[in-house]
Amino acid sequence: MKVPMQKLRLIILAVLACVPLLADDGGVTWLSDYKAAIRLARQTHQPLLVEFRCEA
């Protein structure tokens, strides 16, 4: 079965548009206290994601 390229692109776009609806935060707990976050990461042997941003 051969699908025209335009139709295939439309199908892919529709699938990608649904991805945010299926997303789950997975129970992520965001911490704003750096020291508490380090402590928790060490206790649970989990990586630590640090976000730096500047709002002018």
N, C-alpha and C. Protein backbone atom coordinates (compact mmCIF):
# COMPACT_ATOMS: atom_id res chain seq x y z
N MET A 1 0.85 -1.17 0.00
CA MET A 1 0.00 0.00 0.00
C MET A 1 0.90 1.24 0.00
N LYS A 2 0.74 2.06 -0.99
CA LYS A 2 1.55 3.26 -1.13
C LYS A 2 0.72 4.47 -0.70
N VAL A 3 1.28 5.22 0.28
CA VAL A 3 0.59 6.40 0.80
C VAL A 3 1.27 7.63 0.23
N PRO A 4 0.50 8.54 -0.36
CA PRO A 4 1.10 9.76 -0.89
C PRO A 4 1.83 10.54 0.22
N MET A 5 2.91 11.20 -0.14
CA MET A 5 3.75 11.91 0.83
C MET A 5 2.96 12.95 1.61
N GLN A 6 2.07 13.67 0.97
CA GLN A 6 1.30 14.71 1.65
C GLN A 6 0.39 14.08 2.71
N LYS A 7 -0.21 12.96 2.40
CA LYS A 7 -1.08 12.28 3.35
C LYS A 7 -0.25 11.74 4.53
N LEU A 8 0.92 11.23 4.24
CA LEU A 8 1.81 10.72 5.28
C LEU A 8 2.23 11.85 6.22
N ARG A 9 2.56 13.01 5.67
CA ARG A 9 2.92 14.16 6.50
C ARG A 9 1.76 14.58 7.40
N LEU A 10 0.57 14.55 6.87
CA LEU A 10 -0.61 14.91 7.64
C LEU A 10 -0.83 13.93 8.79
N ILE A 11 -0.64 12.66 8.54
CA ILE A 11 -0.79 11.64 9.58
C ILE A 11 0.25 11.85 10.68
N ILE A 12 1.49 12.08 10.28
CA ILE A 12 2.56 12.30 11.25
C ILE A 12 2.28 13.55 12.08
N LEU A 13 1.84 14.62 11.44
CA LEU A 13 1.50 15.85 12.15
C LEU A 13 0.37 15.62 13.15
N ALA A 14 -0.63 14.87 12.77
CA ALA A 14 -1.76 14.58 13.66
C ALA A 14 -1.30 13.78 14.88
N VAL A 15 -0.43 12.81 14.66
CA VAL A 15 0.09 12.01 15.77
C VAL A 15 0.92 12.88 16.71
N LEU A 16 1.78 13.71 16.15
CA LEU A 16 2.61 14.58 16.98
C LEU A 16 1.78 15.61 17.74
N ALA A 17 0.68 16.03 17.18
CA ALA A 17 -0.19 16.99 17.85
C ALA A 17 -0.86 16.37 19.07
N CYS A 18 -1.02 15.06 19.08
CA CYS A 18 -1.66 14.37 20.21
C CYS A 18 -0.69 14.05 21.34
N VAL A 19 0.60 14.13 21.09
CA VAL A 19 1.59 13.76 22.11
C VAL A 19 1.41 14.54 23.41
N PRO A 20 1.23 15.87 23.39
CA PRO A 20 1.05 16.58 24.66
C PRO A 20 -0.16 16.10 25.46
N LEU A 21 -1.18 15.62 24.78
CA LEU A 21 -2.36 15.12 25.47
C LEU A 21 -2.06 13.84 26.23
N LEU A 22 -1.09 13.07 25.75
CA LEU A 22 -0.74 11.80 26.37
C LEU A 22 0.37 11.95 27.40
N ALA A 23 1.00 13.10 27.45
CA ALA A 23 2.13 13.31 28.36
C ALA A 23 1.67 13.31 29.81
N ASP A 24 2.53 12.78 30.65
CA ASP A 24 2.27 12.73 32.08
C ASP A 24 3.53 13.18 32.79
N ASP A 25 3.38 13.98 33.83
CA ASP A 25 4.56 14.46 34.52
C ASP A 25 5.25 13.36 35.32
N GLY A 26 4.60 12.21 35.45
CA GLY A 26 5.22 11.08 36.12
C GLY A 26 5.46 11.32 37.61
N GLY A 27 4.72 12.22 38.19
CA GLY A 27 4.89 12.48 39.60
C GLY A 27 6.15 13.26 39.93
N VAL A 28 6.61 14.08 39.02
CA VAL A 28 7.81 14.87 39.24
C VAL A 28 7.51 15.93 40.30
N THR A 29 8.40 16.02 41.28
CA THR A 29 8.29 17.05 42.30
C THR A 29 9.37 18.08 42.06
N TRP A 30 8.98 19.29 41.75
CA TRP A 30 9.94 20.36 41.50
C TRP A 30 10.24 21.06 42.80
N LEU A 31 11.51 21.22 43.09
CA LEU A 31 11.94 21.88 44.31
C LEU A 31 12.61 23.20 43.97
N SER A 32 12.41 24.20 44.81
CA SER A 32 13.07 25.48 44.59
C SER A 32 14.23 25.68 45.57
N ASP A 33 14.36 24.80 46.56
CA ASP A 33 15.45 24.86 47.52
C ASP A 33 16.58 23.96 47.01
N TYR A 34 17.69 24.58 46.60
CA TYR A 34 18.81 23.84 45.99
C TYR A 34 19.38 22.79 46.93
N LYS A 35 19.61 23.14 48.18
CA LYS A 35 20.20 22.20 49.13
C LYS A 35 19.28 21.01 49.39
N ALA A 36 17.99 21.27 49.49
CA ALA A 36 17.03 20.18 49.68
C ALA A 36 16.99 19.28 48.44
N ALA A 37 17.11 19.87 47.27
CA ALA A 37 17.10 19.09 46.03
C ALA A 37 18.34 18.19 45.93
N ILE A 38 19.50 18.73 46.31
CA ILE A 38 20.74 17.94 46.32
C ILE A 38 20.59 16.77 47.28
N ARG A 39 20.08 17.05 48.47
CA ARG A 39 19.91 16.00 49.48
C ARG A 39 18.98 14.90 48.97
N LEU A 40 17.85 15.28 48.37
CA LEU A 40 16.89 14.31 47.85
C LEU A 40 17.49 13.50 46.70
N ALA A 41 18.23 14.15 45.82
CA ALA A 41 18.86 13.45 44.70
C ALA A 41 19.86 12.41 45.20
N ARG A 42 20.61 12.76 46.21
CA ARG A 42 21.58 11.81 46.77
C ARG A 42 20.89 10.65 47.46
N GLN A 43 19.83 10.93 48.20
CA GLN A 43 19.11 9.88 48.92
C GLN A 43 18.43 8.90 47.98
N THR A 44 17.91 9.40 46.88
CA THR A 44 17.16 8.55 45.95
C THR A 44 17.99 8.07 44.77
N HIS A 45 19.28 8.49 44.73
CA HIS A 45 20.17 8.11 43.63
C HIS A 45 19.59 8.50 42.27
N GLN A 46 19.01 9.70 42.23
CA GLN A 46 18.42 10.23 41.02
C GLN A 46 19.24 11.41 40.51
N PRO A 47 19.24 11.65 39.20
CA PRO A 47 19.94 12.82 38.67
C PRO A 47 19.22 14.10 39.09
N LEU A 48 19.95 15.18 39.04
CA LEU A 48 19.41 16.48 39.42
C LEU A 48 19.40 17.38 38.19
N LEU A 49 18.25 17.96 37.90
CA LEU A 49 18.13 18.90 36.79
C LEU A 49 18.07 20.30 37.38
N VAL A 50 19.01 21.13 36.98
CA VAL A 50 19.06 22.51 37.46
C VAL A 50 18.75 23.43 36.30
N GLU A 51 17.75 24.28 36.48
CA GLU A 51 17.36 25.21 35.42
C GLU A 51 17.81 26.61 35.83
N PHE A 52 18.57 27.21 34.96
CA PHE A 52 19.03 28.59 35.17
C PHE A 52 18.26 29.47 34.19
N ARG A 53 17.72 30.55 34.69
CA ARG A 53 17.08 31.49 33.79
C ARG A 53 17.15 32.88 34.38
N CYS A 54 17.03 33.84 33.53
CA CYS A 54 17.10 35.23 33.94
C CYS A 54 15.88 35.94 33.37
N GLU A 55 15.14 36.55 34.21
CA GLU A 55 13.98 37.31 33.76
C GLU A 55 14.29 38.78 33.95
N ALA A 56 14.45 39.46 32.86
CA ALA A 56 14.81 40.88 32.93
C ALA A 56 13.58 41.75 32.97
